[in-house]
Protein backbone atom coordinates (compact mmCIF):
# COMPACT_ATOMS: atom_id res chain seq x y z
CA MET A 1 -23.63 27.55 -22.73
CA ARG A 2 -21.61 26.41 -19.71
CA LEU A 3 -20.92 28.78 -16.84
CA SER A 4 -17.48 29.03 -15.29
CA LYS A 5 -16.48 26.07 -13.15
CA PRO A 6 -16.73 26.92 -9.45
CA THR A 7 -13.50 27.30 -7.47
CA LEU A 8 -13.24 24.51 -4.89
CA SER A 9 -11.78 24.79 -1.42
CA PHE A 10 -8.59 22.95 -0.47
CA TRP A 11 -10.57 20.37 1.52
CA GLN A 12 -13.00 19.81 -1.33
CA ILE A 13 -10.04 18.98 -3.57
CA ILE A 14 -8.71 16.65 -0.86
CA ASN A 15 -12.10 14.91 -0.62
CA MET A 16 -12.37 14.36 -4.36
CA ASN A 17 -8.91 12.72 -4.40
CA VAL A 18 -9.15 10.53 -1.30
CA GLY A 19 -10.15 7.63 -3.55
CA PHE A 20 -6.79 7.90 -5.29
CA PHE A 21 -5.19 6.91 -1.98
CA GLY A 22 -6.92 3.52 -2.01
CA ILE A 23 -6.02 2.91 -5.65
CA GLN A 24 -2.35 3.73 -5.02
CA TYR A 25 -2.27 1.66 -1.81
CA SER A 26 -3.21 -1.28 -4.03
CA PHE A 27 -0.51 -0.38 -6.56
CA GLY A 28 1.96 -0.12 -3.67
CA LEU A 29 1.17 -3.69 -2.67
CA GLN A 30 1.72 -4.75 -6.27
CA GLN A 31 5.15 -3.08 -6.33
CA THR A 32 6.36 -4.50 -3.02
CA ALA A 33 4.40 -7.67 -2.25
CA ILE A 34 3.40 -9.44 -5.47
CA ASN A 35 6.87 -10.70 -6.44
CA PRO A 36 7.60 -12.02 -2.93
CA LEU A 37 4.16 -13.64 -2.98
CA TYR A 38 5.03 -15.34 -6.27
CA THR A 39 8.26 -16.65 -4.76
CA PHE A 40 6.32 -17.96 -1.73
CA LEU A 41 4.40 -19.99 -4.31
CA HIS A 42 7.76 -21.23 -5.70
CA ALA A 43 8.05 -19.12 -8.85
CA ARG A 44 11.58 -19.09 -10.28
CA PRO A 45 13.36 -15.71 -10.55
CA GLU A 46 13.57 -15.90 -14.33
CA GLU A 47 9.77 -16.25 -14.46
CA LEU A 48 9.06 -12.98 -12.63
CA PRO A 49 9.20 -10.54 -15.60
CA LEU A 50 6.61 -12.53 -17.55
CA LEU A 51 4.47 -12.99 -14.42
CA ASN A 52 4.39 -9.19 -14.06
CA LEU A 53 3.15 -8.59 -17.60
CA ALA A 54 -0.37 -8.00 -16.28
CA GLY A 55 0.39 -4.42 -15.21
CA PRO A 56 1.50 -2.86 -18.49
CA MET A 57 -0.77 -5.04 -20.65
CA THR A 58 -3.97 -4.21 -18.75
CA GLY A 59 -2.94 -0.56 -18.69
CA LEU A 60 -2.48 -0.63 -22.45
CA LEU A 61 -5.82 -2.32 -23.09
CA ILE A 62 -8.08 -1.05 -20.32
CA GLN A 63 -7.32 2.61 -19.70
CA PRO A 64 -7.96 4.11 -23.16
CA LEU A 65 -11.09 1.95 -23.53
CA ILE A 66 -12.44 3.06 -20.14
CA GLY A 67 -11.56 6.64 -21.01
CA ALA A 68 -13.55 6.47 -24.24
CA LEU A 69 -16.48 4.83 -22.46
CA SER A 70 -16.52 7.40 -19.65
CA ASP A 71 -16.53 10.23 -22.20
CA ARG A 72 -19.72 8.70 -23.58
CA THR A 73 -21.36 8.13 -20.19
CA TRP A 74 -23.79 10.24 -18.17
CA HIS A 75 -26.19 9.04 -15.49
CA PRO A 76 -28.33 11.55 -13.54
CA ARG A 77 -27.48 9.87 -10.22
CA TRP A 78 -24.02 8.34 -10.73
CA GLY A 79 -22.49 10.85 -13.13
CA ARG A 80 -19.83 10.26 -15.79
CA ARG A 81 -16.61 9.11 -14.11
CA LYS A 82 -17.84 7.85 -10.74
CA PRO A 83 -19.47 4.62 -11.99
CA PHE A 84 -16.03 3.49 -13.16
CA PHE A 85 -14.39 4.46 -9.84
CA LEU A 86 -16.90 2.31 -7.99
CA ILE A 87 -16.82 -0.72 -10.30
CA GLY A 88 -13.01 -0.70 -10.27
CA ALA A 89 -12.82 -0.34 -6.48
CA ILE A 90 -15.27 -3.21 -5.86
CA PHE A 91 -13.33 -5.69 -8.01
CA CYS A 92 -10.01 -4.41 -6.65
CA SER A 93 -11.14 -5.03 -3.06
CA LEU A 94 -12.43 -8.50 -3.88
CA CYS A 95 -9.09 -9.42 -5.50
CA LEU A 96 -7.05 -8.08 -2.58
CA PHE A 97 -9.10 -10.11 -0.13
CA ALA A 98 -8.69 -13.23 -2.30
CA PHE A 99 -4.97 -12.89 -3.08
CA PRO A 100 -3.52 -14.36 0.16
CA PHE A 101 -5.73 -17.44 -0.26
CA SER A 102 -3.85 -18.41 -3.44
CA ARG A 103 -2.71 -22.01 -3.18
CA ALA A 104 -1.04 -22.21 -6.58
CA LEU A 105 0.94 -19.82 -8.74
CA TRP A 106 -1.64 -19.82 -11.54
CA MET A 107 -4.29 -18.54 -9.11
CA ALA A 108 -2.13 -15.62 -7.97
CA VAL A 109 -1.25 -14.73 -11.58
CA GLY A 110 -4.91 -14.78 -12.60
CA LEU A 111 -5.88 -12.58 -9.67
CA LEU A 112 -3.17 -10.08 -10.62
CA TRP A 113 -4.67 -9.70 -14.10
CA ILE A 114 -8.11 -9.03 -12.61
CA LEU A 115 -6.64 -6.70 -9.96
CA ASP A 116 -4.73 -4.67 -12.51
CA ALA A 117 -7.76 -4.42 -14.78
CA ALA A 118 -9.82 -3.18 -11.81
CA ASN A 119 -7.19 -0.66 -10.73
CA ASN A 120 -6.91 0.70 -14.25
CA THR A 121 -10.70 0.94 -14.51
CA ALA A 122 -10.74 3.11 -11.40
CA MET A 123 -7.59 5.17 -11.99
CA GLU A 124 -7.99 6.41 -15.56
CA PRO A 125 -11.28 8.30 -15.02
CA TYR A 126 -9.72 9.92 -11.94
CA ARG A 127 -7.35 11.91 -14.18
CA ALA A 128 -10.28 13.05 -16.31
CA PHE A 129 -12.28 13.80 -13.13
CA ILE A 130 -9.75 16.49 -12.20
CA ALA A 131 -10.00 18.11 -15.63
CA ASP A 132 -13.82 17.91 -15.50
CA LYS A 133 -14.21 19.47 -12.07
CA LEU A 134 -11.53 22.09 -11.63
CA PRO A 135 -11.00 25.45 -13.32
CA GLU A 136 -7.64 25.81 -15.03
CA LYS A 137 -6.00 27.70 -12.16
CA GLN A 138 -6.77 24.85 -9.73
CA ARG A 139 -5.71 21.93 -11.93
CA PRO A 140 -2.09 21.97 -10.70
CA LEU A 141 -3.38 21.56 -7.14
CA GLY A 142 -5.75 18.80 -8.26
CA PHE A 143 -3.17 16.72 -10.13
CA LEU A 144 -0.47 17.18 -7.49
CA THR A 145 -2.93 16.23 -4.75
CA GLN A 146 -3.06 12.91 -6.58
CA SER A 147 0.75 12.81 -6.36
CA PHE A 148 0.44 13.37 -2.60
CA PHE A 149 -1.95 10.44 -2.25
CA THR A 150 0.27 8.32 -4.53
CA GLY A 151 3.22 8.78 -2.18
CA LEU A 152 1.08 8.32 0.94
CA GLY A 153 -0.68 5.20 -0.34
CA ILE A 154 2.48 3.45 -1.53
CA THR A 155 4.37 4.40 1.64
CA LEU A 156 1.69 2.97 3.94
CA ALA A 157 1.49 -0.18 1.79
CA ASN A 158 5.24 -0.64 2.30
CA LEU A 159 4.98 0.00 6.04
CA SER A 160 2.07 -2.44 6.41
CA LEU A 161 4.26 -5.34 5.26
CA GLY A 162 6.83 -4.82 8.01
CA PHE A 163 4.14 -4.07 10.60
CA PHE A 164 2.21 -7.28 10.06
CA LYS A 165 5.37 -9.36 9.66
CA ASN A 166 6.35 -8.37 13.21
CA ILE A 167 3.03 -9.35 14.79
CA ILE A 168 1.73 -12.34 12.76
CA SER A 169 3.53 -15.67 12.33
CA GLY A 170 2.79 -18.93 10.53
CA GLU A 171 2.14 -19.73 6.90
CA THR A 172 -0.26 -21.51 4.57
CA THR A 173 0.48 -24.57 2.49
CA THR A 174 0.27 -24.84 -1.29
CA SER A 175 -1.90 -27.28 -3.22
CA ASP A 176 0.97 -29.76 -3.32
CA GLY A 177 1.59 -29.55 0.43
CA GLN A 178 4.65 -27.28 0.39
CA SER A 179 5.06 -24.14 2.48
CA GLY A 180 3.04 -21.27 1.04
CA ILE A 181 2.10 -17.67 1.79
CA PRO A 182 2.94 -16.35 5.29
CA TYR A 183 -0.04 -15.25 7.36
CA TRP A 184 1.32 -11.71 7.76
CA VAL A 185 0.61 -11.17 4.05
CA PHE A 186 -3.11 -11.54 4.83
CA GLY A 187 -3.03 -8.44 7.05
CA SER A 188 -1.46 -6.21 4.40
CA PHE A 189 -3.84 -7.32 1.66
CA PHE A 190 -6.95 -7.13 3.86
CA VAL A 191 -6.08 -3.54 4.82
CA GLY A 192 -5.56 -2.79 1.13
CA GLY A 193 -8.98 -4.21 0.28
CA ILE A 194 -10.65 -2.04 2.91
CA CYS A 195 -8.74 1.09 1.88
CA SER A 196 -9.63 0.61 -1.77
CA ILE A 197 -13.40 0.53 -1.38
CA VAL A 198 -13.75 2.91 1.59
CA SER A 199 -11.62 5.70 0.10
CA VAL A 200 -13.40 5.56 -3.27
CA VAL A 201 -16.84 5.55 -1.63
CA TRP A 202 -15.74 8.60 0.39
CA SER A 203 -14.84 10.54 -2.75
CA ILE A 204 -18.02 9.47 -4.55
CA SER A 205 -20.14 10.52 -1.58
CA THR A 206 -18.53 13.91 -1.02
CA THR A 207 -17.94 15.10 -4.59
CA PRO A 208 -20.73 15.64 -7.13
CA GLU A 209 -19.89 15.74 -10.81
CA ILE A 210 -20.73 18.73 -12.98
CA PRO A 211 -23.78 17.80 -15.12
CA PRO A 212 -23.63 18.41 -18.85
CA THR A 213 -25.54 21.32 -20.33
CA ALA A 214 -28.58 20.63 -22.48
CA GLU A 215 -26.45 21.07 -25.60
CA GLU A 216 -23.74 18.72 -24.31
CA LEU A 217 -26.33 16.13 -23.27
CA ALA A 218 -27.94 16.27 -26.71
CA ALA A 219 -24.53 15.82 -28.36
CA LEU A 220 -23.81 12.89 -26.04
CA LYS A 221 -27.09 11.18 -26.94
CA ALA A 222 -26.45 11.80 -30.63
CA ARG A 223 -23.16 9.92 -30.59
CA VAL A 224 -23.14 6.71 -32.57
CA LYS A 225 -23.53 3.71 -30.28
CA GLY A 226 -22.14 0.25 -30.79
CA PHE A 227 -19.53 -2.18 -29.51
CA PHE A 228 -16.76 -0.91 -31.78
CA GLU A 229 -17.42 2.82 -31.34
CA PRO A 230 -15.11 3.25 -28.28
CA PHE A 231 -12.29 1.56 -30.22
CA LYS A 232 -12.92 3.85 -33.18
CA GLU A 233 -12.82 6.80 -30.78
CA ILE A 234 -9.40 5.73 -29.49
CA PHE A 235 -7.91 5.54 -32.99
CA SER A 236 -9.57 8.81 -33.96
CA ALA A 237 -8.18 10.51 -30.86
CA ILE A 238 -4.67 9.25 -31.63
CA LYS A 239 -4.98 10.57 -35.20
CA ASP A 240 -6.09 13.99 -33.89
CA MET A 241 -3.66 14.03 -30.95
CA PRO A 242 -2.22 17.50 -30.23
CA ILE A 243 1.50 17.95 -30.85
CA VAL A 244 2.18 18.48 -27.13
CA MET A 245 1.14 14.87 -26.48
CA TRP A 246 3.50 13.55 -29.17
CA HIS A 247 6.30 15.46 -27.43
CA LEU A 248 5.20 13.98 -24.09
CA ALA A 249 5.33 10.49 -25.63
CA LEU A 250 9.06 10.92 -26.25
CA VAL A 251 9.59 12.10 -22.67
CA TYR A 252 7.66 9.10 -21.37
CA LEU A 253 9.65 6.67 -23.52
CA PHE A 254 12.82 7.58 -21.62
CA GLN A 255 11.14 8.26 -18.26
CA TRP A 256 9.17 5.05 -17.81
CA TYR A 257 11.78 2.75 -19.37
CA ALA A 258 14.14 4.17 -16.73
CA MET A 259 11.69 3.67 -13.87
CA PHE A 260 11.19 0.00 -14.72
CA CYS A 261 14.98 -0.44 -14.76
CA TYR A 262 15.22 1.12 -11.31
CA TRP A 263 12.44 -0.95 -9.73
CA GLN A 264 13.84 -4.19 -11.11
CA PHE A 265 17.50 -3.67 -10.17
CA VAL A 266 17.57 -1.49 -7.05
CA SER A 267 17.89 -4.49 -4.70
CA LEU A 268 20.66 -6.04 -6.76
CA SER A 269 22.48 -2.70 -6.95
CA ILE A 270 22.38 -2.26 -3.17
CA ALA A 271 23.54 -5.87 -2.71
CA LYS A 272 26.58 -5.16 -4.87
CA SER A 273 27.54 -1.66 -3.68
CA VAL A 274 26.76 -1.96 0.04
CA PHE A 275 26.87 -5.68 0.91
CA ASN A 276 29.30 -6.88 -1.77
CA THR A 277 27.11 -9.82 -2.72
CA THR A 278 24.64 -10.97 -5.38
CA SER A 279 21.33 -12.81 -5.41
CA ASP A 280 23.30 -16.05 -5.86
CA GLY A 281 25.80 -15.20 -3.12
CA ASN A 282 25.40 -14.86 0.63
CA LYS A 283 21.65 -15.33 1.21
CA GLU A 284 21.55 -13.48 4.54
CA LEU A 285 23.36 -10.44 3.12
CA TYR A 286 21.15 -10.41 0.04
CA GLU A 287 18.01 -10.46 2.20
CA GLN A 288 19.42 -7.45 4.07
CA ALA A 289 19.86 -5.72 0.72
CA VAL A 290 16.22 -6.43 -0.13
CA VAL A 291 15.16 -4.96 3.22
CA TRP A 292 17.21 -1.82 2.57
CA ALA A 293 15.74 -1.51 -0.92
CA GLY A 294 12.30 -1.49 0.72
CA LYS A 295 13.45 1.23 3.13
CA VAL A 296 14.88 3.32 0.31
CA ASN A 297 11.68 2.98 -1.73
CA GLY A 298 9.56 3.82 1.28
CA PHE A 299 11.73 6.88 1.96
CA TYR A 300 11.42 8.32 -1.53
CA ASN A 301 7.64 7.89 -1.39
CA ILE A 302 7.60 9.82 1.90
CA ILE A 303 9.46 12.61 0.11
CA THR A 304 6.87 12.35 -2.67
CA PHE A 305 3.86 13.11 -0.50
CA LEU A 306 5.75 15.76 1.50
CA SER A 307 6.84 17.61 -1.65
CA ALA A 308 3.73 17.31 -3.81
CA PHE A 309 2.05 20.52 -2.64
CA GLY A 310 5.31 22.45 -2.92
CA LEU A 311 5.39 21.54 -6.60
CA VAL A 312 1.99 23.24 -6.98
CA TRP A 313 3.56 26.57 -5.98
CA LEU A 314 6.60 25.99 -8.18
CA ALA A 315 4.47 25.03 -11.20
CA ARG A 316 2.48 28.24 -10.84
CA LYS A 317 5.57 30.38 -10.37
CA PHE A 318 7.94 28.88 -12.95
CA SER A 319 5.60 26.81 -15.21
CA ALA A 320 4.97 23.07 -15.09
CA LYS A 321 7.41 22.41 -17.94
CA TYR A 322 10.47 23.82 -16.17
CA VAL A 323 9.51 22.17 -12.88
CA HIS A 324 9.42 18.78 -14.61
CA ILE A 325 12.75 19.40 -16.34
CA ALA A 326 14.40 20.21 -13.00
CA CYS A 327 12.81 17.19 -11.29
CA LEU A 328 13.88 14.75 -14.00
CA ALA A 329 17.40 16.15 -13.87
CA MET A 330 17.49 15.60 -10.08
CA ALA A 331 16.29 12.02 -10.54
CA GLY A 332 18.87 11.34 -13.25
CA ILE A 333 21.73 12.67 -11.10
CA ALA A 334 20.42 10.67 -8.12
CA LEU A 335 20.58 7.40 -10.05
CA LEU A 336 24.04 8.17 -11.42
CA ILE A 337 25.27 8.61 -7.83
CA PHE A 338 23.27 5.79 -6.22
CA PRO A 339 25.28 2.70 -7.34
CA HIS A 340 28.55 4.21 -6.11
CA ILE A 341 27.39 4.60 -2.48
CA SER A 342 28.84 1.95 -0.18
CA ASP A 343 27.40 3.26 3.13
CA LYS A 344 23.82 2.02 3.44
CA ASN A 345 22.77 5.06 5.49
CA LEU A 346 23.87 7.42 2.71
CA LEU A 347 21.59 5.71 0.20
CA PHE A 348 18.76 7.96 1.37
CA ALA A 349 20.49 11.20 0.32
CA PRO A 350 20.02 10.93 -3.47
CA MET A 351 16.51 9.60 -2.91
CA VAL A 352 15.40 13.06 -1.79
CA GLY A 353 15.71 14.31 -5.36
CA PHE A 354 14.30 11.06 -6.71
CA GLY A 355 11.22 11.32 -4.46
CA ILE A 356 10.55 14.91 -5.56
CA ALA A 357 10.85 13.75 -9.17
CA TRP A 358 8.39 10.91 -8.53
CA ALA A 359 5.86 13.48 -7.29
CA SER A 360 6.39 15.43 -10.50
CA MET A 361 6.04 12.33 -12.69
CA MET A 362 2.67 11.51 -11.15
CA GLY A 363 1.16 14.98 -11.60
CA VAL A 364 3.05 17.62 -13.55
CA PRO A 365 2.85 16.09 -17.09
CA TYR A 366 -0.95 16.18 -16.85
CA ILE A 367 -0.78 19.90 -16.06
CA MET A 368 1.33 20.43 -19.19
CA VAL A 369 -1.07 18.72 -21.58
CA VAL A 370 -4.60 19.10 -20.17
CA GLY A 371 -5.04 22.61 -21.60
CA SER A 372 -4.45 21.23 -25.09
CA ILE A 373 -7.13 18.53 -24.85
CA PRO A 374 -10.76 19.21 -25.88
CA LYS A 375 -12.96 18.75 -22.83
CA GLU A 376 -15.30 16.29 -24.53
CA ARG A 377 -12.30 13.94 -24.95
CA TYR A 378 -10.69 14.21 -21.51
CA GLY A 379 -11.31 10.55 -20.73
CA VAL A 380 -9.93 8.99 -23.89
CA TYR A 381 -6.85 11.23 -23.93
CA MET A 382 -6.04 10.46 -20.30
CA GLY A 383 -6.20 6.80 -21.31
CA ILE A 384 -3.87 7.44 -24.24
CA ILE A 385 -1.41 9.16 -21.89
CA ASN A 386 -1.39 5.96 -19.86
CA MET A 387 -0.64 4.01 -23.06
CA MET A 388 2.47 6.21 -23.30
CA ILE A 389 3.44 4.91 -19.85
CA VAL A 390 2.88 1.20 -20.36
CA VAL A 391 4.34 0.88 -23.88
CA PRO A 392 7.86 1.81 -22.63
CA MET A 393 7.37 -0.67 -19.78
CA ILE A 394 6.52 -3.43 -22.24
CA LEU A 395 9.50 -2.48 -24.41
CA GLN A 396 11.74 -2.58 -21.34
CA THR A 397 10.46 -6.00 -20.35
CA LEU A 398 11.17 -7.36 -23.83
CA SER A 399 14.49 -5.63 -24.54
CA PHE A 400 16.38 -4.87 -21.36
CA GLY A 401 17.53 -8.42 -20.70
CA TYR A 402 19.61 -8.24 -23.88
CA VAL A 403 20.87 -4.72 -23.07
CA TYR A 404 21.76 -5.79 -19.53
CA LYS A 405 23.74 -8.84 -20.66
CA HIS A 406 25.47 -7.52 -23.78
CA PHE A 407 25.99 -3.80 -23.09
CA LEU A 408 25.98 -3.39 -19.30
CA GLY A 409 28.08 -6.39 -18.35
CA SER A 410 25.27 -7.98 -16.29
CA ASP A 411 26.05 -5.35 -13.64
CA ALA A 412 23.11 -4.08 -11.56
CA GLY A 413 24.94 -0.84 -10.77
CA ASN A 414 25.31 -0.18 -14.49
CA ALA A 415 21.57 -0.79 -14.90
CA ILE A 416 20.80 1.93 -12.34
CA SER A 417 23.26 4.32 -13.99
CA PHE A 418 21.68 3.53 -17.37
CA ALA A 419 18.31 4.52 -15.88
CA GLY A 420 19.89 7.77 -14.68
CA VAL A 421 21.08 8.60 -18.19
CA LEU A 422 17.60 7.90 -19.58
CA LEU A 423 16.05 10.29 -17.03
CA LEU A 424 18.47 13.02 -18.11
CA MET A 425 17.43 12.34 -21.70
CA ALA A 426 13.79 12.66 -20.60
CA ALA A 427 14.63 16.07 -19.10
CA ILE A 428 16.15 17.18 -22.41
CA ALA A 429 13.11 15.88 -24.31
CA THR A 430 10.80 17.87 -22.01
CA MET A 431 12.39 21.07 -23.29
CA ARG A 432 10.66 20.45 -26.64
CA ILE A 433 7.18 20.59 -25.13
CA LYS A 434 5.15 23.62 -26.12
CA ARG A 435 1.59 23.96 -24.99
CA ASP A 436 -0.95 24.27 -27.80
CA LYS A 437 -3.89 25.79 -25.98
CA VAL A 438 -7.38 24.60 -26.92
CA ILE A 439 -9.71 27.57 -27.23
CA GLU A 440 -13.02 26.72 -25.59
CA ASP A 441 -16.15 28.74 -25.01
CA SER A 442 -15.20 31.96 -23.26
CA THR A 443 -17.70 31.23 -20.50
CA THR A 444 -15.96 27.97 -19.64
């Protein structure tokens, strides 16, 4: 029989989540630096969507599998989730150090697949780690601390690009002798490699896992072993999935389809509304639009890490569900306004609401569903939640080109407004969520 989980101090919760900073720093580099790096290696613009398929595909394949494996893992020294943090962080760091040395496009694409697989290996067990370690009353703080480190990691990744660009000059050459990757990219990726491994090692060193009871350990050892068992566990978990997760899947369909639309078209929208140009127009003005898109994205991530802990208080006072509804509504309104702003300095105003919503997206849905998940399946269900994220991204990649051309008039501003409408639909869908509490041992 398990005793109650101990209440952790604020700094203990910070320590256990420091590793999430390194993981998100790496994801920040992927968001802001990978596509420019591809273009430095002479990728054509129309090739970029397919070249970015690694992210959603590895998320779809890796996270639920790692979740199922971590549920079945226990080592007296390394624990249940921490071996996966460490393995993921090691390969992530190696890839980040290797990335700037790419001399051909195929090498960079291959490294992205390995990098994404490593990041997903480390990130998925981190969600389950929060549910494992914290009593119910502290889970909002745990998940939203991850939102804080998400905003901080991505923001610093964005800032590192400009910082190193200002102090390092020169560039490599590709395998065919053409100009290649600028040397300032090396600085950003090397810092990312260091952050990834150091932050995860910090969390592993400072935070012990809760060992299973004798009964839980016996049940773990009694589980059927074999190569296909984790896959069977994934399908079994989907079959037994609580209704609250099916409701969340609908929310995520709108939410993450919208986010991919925003990330892909924000630069083009700013080019049109502020600089009155396109990617095929005035090159200097378009580059300024790209710079401003980076500033806008950096700004909303600053708002994310500044607002994350405030959402903890709001989730406790008003419930996680209503906080997420309000945040999605703010993000939807922000994107409906955004393409109509012609003053570049006013672009930051709607991003306040968008940044708060991003903090909610990265933490609050987990608060809504974790109480409905049986504790022995935390890992696999956190992986399935990530499947709900990447499937809409894959659908967007495959379908939005047609929508953009035939329904939105090939207008980037319309694409951003379309994303705003989808976020409002996600807010409406969130209203359907009702928590179906799992009744566990009363001593838990």
